[in-house]
Amino acid sequence: INMVSFKEIQFNKKEAVYPQLVAYVKKQILIGSVENNEELPSRRELALSLAINPNTVQKAYKILEDEGIIRTISNVKSVICVNEEIKETIQKEYIQKHLKGFIDECKSVHLSFQEVVSLLSEYW
């Protein structure tokens, strides 16, 4: 059984930890490194391995459960629930969060659409 790995996670000190855990799991789903029915570490195991409070992990898992991204089986183990609909939702959310902010910033400094496309092409 594969287990979702959190060894790549790097916390940003400016933001609470639990939303960063949620974002990390979602990004792993988007990039395809997490599969349907893949197990997550227990709340206690993850808290210990990341040196964070178990309540923080619980909060993150609860959000993921509420969004239908994970399910917990009889309070013992949690597994990823991935289907195309969930992937699409996560992708839209990701675009909304990252791209919208970028576009708004470009507009705020009066860059034209053409300038932004040109810059994107150059840096891509």
N, C-alpha and C. Protein backbone atom coordinates (compact mmCIF):
# COMPACT_ATOMS: atom_id res chain seq x y z
N ILE A 1 0.85 -1.19 0.00
CA ILE A 1 0.00 0.00 0.00
C ILE A 1 0.88 1.25 0.00
N ASN A 2 0.61 2.12 -0.95
CA ASN A 2 1.34 3.39 -0.98
C ASN A 2 0.81 4.32 0.09
N MET A 3 1.70 5.13 0.62
CA MET A 3 1.30 6.12 1.61
C MET A 3 1.73 7.49 1.12
N VAL A 4 0.83 8.46 1.25
CA VAL A 4 1.13 9.83 0.84
C VAL A 4 2.32 10.31 1.68
N SER A 5 3.32 10.84 0.98
CA SER A 5 4.52 11.33 1.65
C SER A 5 4.46 12.84 1.83
N PHE A 6 4.87 13.28 2.99
CA PHE A 6 4.90 14.72 3.27
C PHE A 6 6.33 15.22 3.43
N LYS A 7 7.31 14.40 2.97
CA LYS A 7 8.70 14.79 3.21
C LYS A 7 9.13 16.00 2.38
N GLU A 8 8.39 16.32 1.33
CA GLU A 8 8.72 17.46 0.48
C GLU A 8 8.12 18.78 0.98
N ILE A 9 7.22 18.71 1.95
CA ILE A 9 6.51 19.92 2.37
C ILE A 9 7.46 20.89 3.07
N GLN A 10 7.30 22.15 2.72
CA GLN A 10 8.05 23.22 3.38
C GLN A 10 7.06 24.27 3.82
N PHE A 11 7.05 24.52 5.12
CA PHE A 11 6.07 25.46 5.66
C PHE A 11 6.53 26.90 5.50
N ASN A 12 5.56 27.73 5.22
CA ASN A 12 5.74 29.17 5.10
C ASN A 12 5.33 29.76 6.44
N LYS A 13 6.17 30.50 7.04
CA LYS A 13 5.93 31.04 8.38
C LYS A 13 4.83 32.11 8.43
N LYS A 14 4.44 32.63 7.26
CA LYS A 14 3.44 33.71 7.20
C LYS A 14 2.00 33.19 7.26
N GLU A 15 1.83 31.89 7.10
CA GLU A 15 0.48 31.33 7.00
C GLU A 15 0.33 30.19 8.01
N ALA A 16 -0.90 30.00 8.48
CA ALA A 16 -1.17 28.89 9.40
C ALA A 16 -0.78 27.57 8.72
N VAL A 17 -0.41 26.58 9.52
CA VAL A 17 0.09 25.31 8.98
C VAL A 17 -1.02 24.47 8.33
N TYR A 18 -2.20 24.42 8.95
CA TYR A 18 -3.23 23.51 8.42
C TYR A 18 -3.65 23.81 6.98
N PRO A 19 -3.80 25.10 6.57
CA PRO A 19 -4.13 25.32 5.15
C PRO A 19 -2.97 24.93 4.23
N GLN A 20 -1.76 24.98 4.75
CA GLN A 20 -0.60 24.57 3.94
C GLN A 20 -0.61 23.06 3.74
N LEU A 21 -1.04 22.32 4.76
CA LEU A 21 -1.18 20.86 4.61
C LEU A 21 -2.24 20.54 3.57
N VAL A 22 -3.37 21.24 3.64
CA VAL A 22 -4.46 21.04 2.68
C VAL A 22 -3.95 21.33 1.27
N ALA A 23 -3.28 22.47 1.09
CA ALA A 23 -2.77 22.86 -0.23
C ALA A 23 -1.75 21.85 -0.75
N TYR A 24 -0.93 21.31 0.14
CA TYR A 24 0.08 20.32 -0.25
C TYR A 24 -0.59 19.06 -0.81
N VAL A 25 -1.60 18.56 -0.11
CA VAL A 25 -2.31 17.35 -0.57
C VAL A 25 -2.96 17.63 -1.92
N LYS A 26 -3.60 18.78 -2.05
CA LYS A 26 -4.26 19.12 -3.31
C LYS A 26 -3.25 19.21 -4.45
N LYS A 27 -2.10 19.81 -4.18
CA LYS A 27 -1.08 19.93 -5.24
C LYS A 27 -0.56 18.55 -5.63
N GLN A 28 -0.39 17.65 -4.66
CA GLN A 28 0.06 16.29 -4.97
C GLN A 28 -0.95 15.58 -5.87
N ILE A 29 -2.23 15.86 -5.66
CA ILE A 29 -3.28 15.30 -6.51
C ILE A 29 -3.16 15.88 -7.92
N LEU A 30 -2.99 17.21 -8.00
CA LEU A 30 -2.89 17.87 -9.31
C LEU A 30 -1.72 17.36 -10.13
N ILE A 31 -0.57 17.15 -9.48
CA ILE A 31 0.61 16.72 -10.24
C ILE A 31 0.65 15.20 -10.44
N GLY A 32 -0.33 14.51 -9.88
CA GLY A 32 -0.45 13.08 -10.12
C GLY A 32 0.45 12.20 -9.26
N SER A 33 0.98 12.74 -8.18
CA SER A 33 1.85 11.91 -7.34
C SER A 33 1.07 11.20 -6.23
N VAL A 34 -0.24 11.44 -6.19
CA VAL A 34 -1.12 10.79 -5.22
C VAL A 34 -2.25 10.12 -5.98
N GLU A 35 -2.56 8.90 -5.61
CA GLU A 35 -3.59 8.15 -6.33
C GLU A 35 -4.81 7.88 -5.46
N ASN A 36 -5.90 7.55 -6.13
CA ASN A 36 -7.13 7.18 -5.44
C ASN A 36 -6.86 6.02 -4.47
N ASN A 37 -7.44 6.10 -3.30
CA ASN A 37 -7.32 5.10 -2.23
C ASN A 37 -5.93 5.02 -1.59
N GLU A 38 -5.05 5.95 -1.94
CA GLU A 38 -3.74 5.97 -1.29
C GLU A 38 -3.92 6.43 0.15
N GLU A 39 -3.23 5.75 1.05
CA GLU A 39 -3.37 6.04 2.48
C GLU A 39 -2.61 7.29 2.89
N LEU A 40 -3.18 7.99 3.84
CA LEU A 40 -2.49 9.12 4.46
C LEU A 40 -1.93 8.64 5.80
N PRO A 41 -0.84 9.25 6.27
CA PRO A 41 -0.35 8.88 7.60
C PRO A 41 -1.44 9.21 8.63
N SER A 42 -1.41 8.52 9.76
CA SER A 42 -2.38 8.86 10.81
C SER A 42 -2.10 10.29 11.27
N ARG A 43 -3.07 10.89 11.90
CA ARG A 43 -2.91 12.25 12.38
C ARG A 43 -1.70 12.35 13.32
N ARG A 44 -1.59 11.38 14.20
CA ARG A 44 -0.49 11.39 15.18
C ARG A 44 0.87 11.20 14.50
N GLU A 45 0.93 10.25 13.55
CA GLU A 45 2.19 10.00 12.82
C GLU A 45 2.65 11.24 12.06
N LEU A 46 1.71 11.87 11.37
CA LEU A 46 2.06 13.04 10.58
C LEU A 46 2.51 14.18 11.50
N ALA A 47 1.79 14.39 12.58
CA ALA A 47 2.16 15.45 13.53
C ALA A 47 3.57 15.22 14.06
N LEU A 48 3.87 13.97 14.42
CA LEU A 48 5.21 13.65 14.93
C LEU A 48 6.29 13.88 13.87
N SER A 49 6.04 13.39 12.66
CA SER A 49 7.06 13.49 11.62
C SER A 49 7.32 14.94 11.19
N LEU A 50 6.30 15.80 11.30
CA LEU A 50 6.46 17.20 10.90
C LEU A 50 6.70 18.12 12.10
N ALA A 51 6.71 17.54 13.30
CA ALA A 51 6.89 18.30 14.54
C ALA A 51 5.85 19.42 14.67
N ILE A 52 4.59 19.04 14.46
CA ILE A 52 3.49 20.00 14.61
C ILE A 52 2.44 19.39 15.54
N ASN A 53 1.49 20.20 15.94
CA ASN A 53 0.43 19.78 16.84
C ASN A 53 -0.55 18.84 16.12
N PRO A 54 -0.92 17.72 16.76
CA PRO A 54 -1.90 16.80 16.14
C PRO A 54 -3.23 17.49 15.79
N ASN A 55 -3.61 18.52 16.56
CA ASN A 55 -4.86 19.24 16.25
C ASN A 55 -4.76 19.97 14.92
N THR A 56 -3.55 20.37 14.55
CA THR A 56 -3.33 21.04 13.27
C THR A 56 -3.58 20.05 12.13
N VAL A 57 -3.07 18.84 12.29
CA VAL A 57 -3.29 17.80 11.28
C VAL A 57 -4.78 17.46 11.22
N GLN A 58 -5.41 17.36 12.39
CA GLN A 58 -6.83 17.06 12.44
C GLN A 58 -7.64 18.10 11.67
N LYS A 59 -7.30 19.37 11.86
CA LYS A 59 -7.99 20.46 11.15
C LYS A 59 -7.85 20.29 9.64
N ALA A 60 -6.63 20.01 9.19
CA ALA A 60 -6.38 19.85 7.75
C ALA A 60 -7.16 18.66 7.20
N TYR A 61 -7.10 17.53 7.90
CA TYR A 61 -7.82 16.34 7.45
C TYR A 61 -9.33 16.59 7.41
N LYS A 62 -9.83 17.34 8.37
CA LYS A 62 -11.27 17.65 8.43
C LYS A 62 -11.68 18.46 7.20
N ILE A 63 -10.87 19.44 6.84
CA ILE A 63 -11.17 20.25 5.65
C ILE A 63 -11.16 19.36 4.41
N LEU A 64 -10.14 18.51 4.29
CA LEU A 64 -10.05 17.60 3.14
C LEU A 64 -11.25 16.63 3.10
N GLU A 65 -11.69 16.19 4.27
CA GLU A 65 -12.88 15.32 4.34
C GLU A 65 -14.12 16.08 3.89
N ASP A 66 -14.29 17.28 4.43
CA ASP A 66 -15.46 18.10 4.08
C ASP A 66 -15.54 18.38 2.58
N GLU A 67 -14.38 18.48 1.94
CA GLU A 67 -14.34 18.75 0.50
C GLU A 67 -14.40 17.46 -0.33
N GLY A 68 -14.48 16.32 0.33
CA GLY A 68 -14.60 15.03 -0.37
C GLY A 68 -13.28 14.52 -0.93
N ILE A 69 -12.16 15.08 -0.49
CA ILE A 69 -10.85 14.70 -1.02
C ILE A 69 -10.27 13.51 -0.28
N ILE A 70 -10.62 13.37 0.98
CA ILE A 70 -10.22 12.17 1.72
C ILE A 70 -11.43 11.61 2.45
N ARG A 71 -11.34 10.34 2.79
CA ARG A 71 -12.36 9.76 3.67
C ARG A 71 -11.64 8.95 4.73
N THR A 72 -12.24 8.95 5.91
CA THR A 72 -11.65 8.22 7.02
C THR A 72 -12.49 6.98 7.26
N ILE A 73 -11.79 5.86 7.34
CA ILE A 73 -12.46 4.58 7.50
C ILE A 73 -12.43 4.21 8.98
N SER A 74 -13.59 4.16 9.57
CA SER A 74 -13.80 3.79 10.98
C SER A 74 -12.75 4.37 11.94
N ASN A 75 -12.51 5.66 11.81
CA ASN A 75 -11.57 6.38 12.67
C ASN A 75 -10.18 5.79 12.73
N VAL A 76 -9.83 4.95 11.78
CA VAL A 76 -8.53 4.31 11.82
C VAL A 76 -7.59 4.89 10.77
N LYS A 77 -7.99 4.81 9.52
CA LYS A 77 -7.11 5.33 8.49
C LYS A 77 -7.87 6.23 7.53
N SER A 78 -7.13 7.16 6.95
CA SER A 78 -7.70 8.07 5.97
C SER A 78 -7.08 7.78 4.62
N VAL A 79 -7.91 7.83 3.59
CA VAL A 79 -7.44 7.57 2.22
C VAL A 79 -7.89 8.69 1.29
N ILE A 80 -7.11 8.87 0.23
CA ILE A 80 -7.41 9.86 -0.80
C ILE A 80 -8.58 9.36 -1.65
N CYS A 81 -9.48 10.28 -1.98
CA CYS A 81 -10.60 9.98 -2.89
C CYS A 81 -10.46 10.90 -4.10
N VAL A 82 -9.88 10.39 -5.16
CA VAL A 82 -9.64 11.22 -6.34
C VAL A 82 -10.44 10.71 -7.52
N ASN A 83 -11.16 11.63 -8.15
CA ASN A 83 -11.80 11.33 -9.42
C ASN A 83 -11.65 12.58 -10.29
N GLU A 84 -12.09 12.51 -11.50
CA GLU A 84 -11.92 13.65 -12.43
C GLU A 84 -12.60 14.91 -11.92
N GLU A 85 -13.76 14.75 -11.32
CA GLU A 85 -14.50 15.92 -10.81
C GLU A 85 -13.70 16.63 -9.71
N ILE A 86 -13.13 15.86 -8.81
CA ILE A 86 -12.33 16.45 -7.73
C ILE A 86 -11.08 17.11 -8.30
N LYS A 87 -10.43 16.44 -9.25
CA LYS A 87 -9.23 17.04 -9.89
C LYS A 87 -9.58 18.37 -10.56
N GLU A 88 -10.71 18.40 -11.26
CA GLU A 88 -11.14 19.64 -11.93
C GLU A 88 -11.40 20.74 -10.93
N THR A 89 -12.07 20.40 -9.84
CA THR A 89 -12.36 21.38 -8.79
C THR A 89 -11.08 21.94 -8.21
N ILE A 90 -10.12 21.06 -7.92
CA ILE A 90 -8.84 21.50 -7.36
C ILE A 90 -8.10 22.38 -8.36
N GLN A 91 -8.14 21.99 -9.63
CA GLN A 91 -7.45 22.77 -10.67
C GLN A 91 -8.06 24.16 -10.79
N LYS A 92 -9.39 24.25 -10.79
CA LYS A 92 -10.06 25.55 -10.87
C LYS A 92 -9.69 26.41 -9.66
N GLU A 93 -9.69 25.81 -8.49
CA GLU A 93 -9.34 26.51 -7.26
C GLU A 93 -7.90 27.02 -7.33
N TYR A 94 -7.00 26.19 -7.84
CA TYR A 94 -5.59 26.54 -7.97
C TYR A 94 -5.42 27.72 -8.92
N ILE A 95 -6.10 27.65 -10.06
CA ILE A 95 -6.04 28.73 -11.05
C ILE A 95 -6.60 30.01 -10.44
N GLN A 96 -7.73 29.89 -9.79
CA GLN A 96 -8.38 31.05 -9.17
C GLN A 96 -7.42 31.72 -8.18
N LYS A 97 -6.79 30.91 -7.34
CA LYS A 97 -5.91 31.45 -6.30
C LYS A 97 -4.65 32.09 -6.90
N HIS A 98 -3.99 31.40 -7.79
CA HIS A 98 -2.70 31.86 -8.28
C HIS A 98 -2.78 32.78 -9.50
N LEU A 99 -3.59 32.41 -10.46
CA LEU A 99 -3.63 33.18 -11.69
C LEU A 99 -4.40 34.48 -11.54
N LYS A 100 -5.51 34.44 -10.84
CA LYS A 100 -6.32 35.64 -10.66
C LYS A 100 -5.51 36.73 -9.96
N GLY A 101 -4.78 36.36 -8.92
CA GLY A 101 -3.95 37.34 -8.21
C GLY A 101 -2.90 37.94 -9.12
N PHE A 102 -2.29 37.10 -9.94
CA PHE A 102 -1.27 37.54 -10.89
C PHE A 102 -1.87 38.53 -11.90
N ILE A 103 -3.02 38.17 -12.46
CA ILE A 103 -3.68 39.03 -13.45
C ILE A 103 -4.06 40.37 -12.82
N ASP A 104 -4.62 40.31 -11.61
CA ASP A 104 -5.00 41.55 -10.92
C ASP A 104 -3.78 42.45 -10.70
N GLU A 105 -2.66 41.85 -10.32
CA GLU A 105 -1.42 42.61 -10.13
C GLU A 105 -0.97 43.26 -11.44
N CYS A 106 -1.02 42.50 -12.53
CA CYS A 106 -0.62 43.04 -13.83
C CYS A 106 -1.51 44.21 -14.23
N LYS A 107 -2.81 44.06 -14.00
CA LYS A 107 -3.75 45.14 -14.32
C LYS A 107 -3.47 46.37 -13.46
N SER A 108 -3.12 46.14 -12.20
CA SER A 108 -2.91 47.27 -11.29
C SER A 108 -1.71 48.13 -11.69
N VAL A 109 -0.78 47.54 -12.43
CA VAL A 109 0.37 48.34 -12.91
C VAL A 109 0.22 48.66 -14.41
N HIS A 110 -1.02 48.53 -14.89
CA HIS A 110 -1.40 48.93 -16.25
C HIS A 110 -0.65 48.18 -17.36
N LEU A 111 -0.35 46.91 -17.15
CA LEU A 111 0.21 46.10 -18.22
C LEU A 111 -0.94 45.67 -19.12
N SER A 112 -0.72 45.72 -20.42
CA SER A 112 -1.76 45.28 -21.35
C SER A 112 -1.76 43.75 -21.43
N PHE A 113 -2.84 43.23 -21.94
CA PHE A 113 -2.96 41.78 -22.14
C PHE A 113 -1.79 41.29 -23.00
N GLN A 114 -1.50 42.02 -24.08
CA GLN A 114 -0.43 41.62 -24.99
C GLN A 114 0.93 41.62 -24.28
N GLU A 115 1.17 42.62 -23.44
CA GLU A 115 2.44 42.68 -22.70
C GLU A 115 2.57 41.48 -21.77
N VAL A 116 1.48 41.14 -21.10
CA VAL A 116 1.50 40.02 -20.16
C VAL A 116 1.75 38.71 -20.91
N VAL A 117 1.07 38.51 -22.03
CA VAL A 117 1.26 37.30 -22.84
C VAL A 117 2.69 37.22 -23.33
N SER A 118 3.21 38.33 -23.77
CA SER A 118 4.59 38.37 -24.24
C SER A 118 5.57 38.01 -23.12
N LEU A 119 5.36 38.58 -21.96
CA LEU A 119 6.22 38.29 -20.80
C LEU A 119 6.09 36.82 -20.38
N LEU A 120 4.88 36.32 -20.39
CA LEU A 120 4.67 34.90 -20.04
C LEU A 120 5.43 34.00 -21.01
N SER A 121 5.33 34.31 -22.28
CA SER A 121 6.04 33.51 -23.31
C SER A 121 7.55 33.56 -23.09
N GLU A 122 8.03 34.76 -22.78
CA GLU A 122 9.47 34.95 -22.58
C GLU A 122 9.97 34.14 -21.37
N TYR A 123 9.22 34.19 -20.28
CA TYR A 123 9.68 33.52 -19.06
C TYR A 123 9.35 32.03 -19.01
N TRP A 124 8.41 31.59 -19.82
CA TRP A 124 8.01 30.18 -19.81
C TRP A 124 9.17 29.33 -20.28
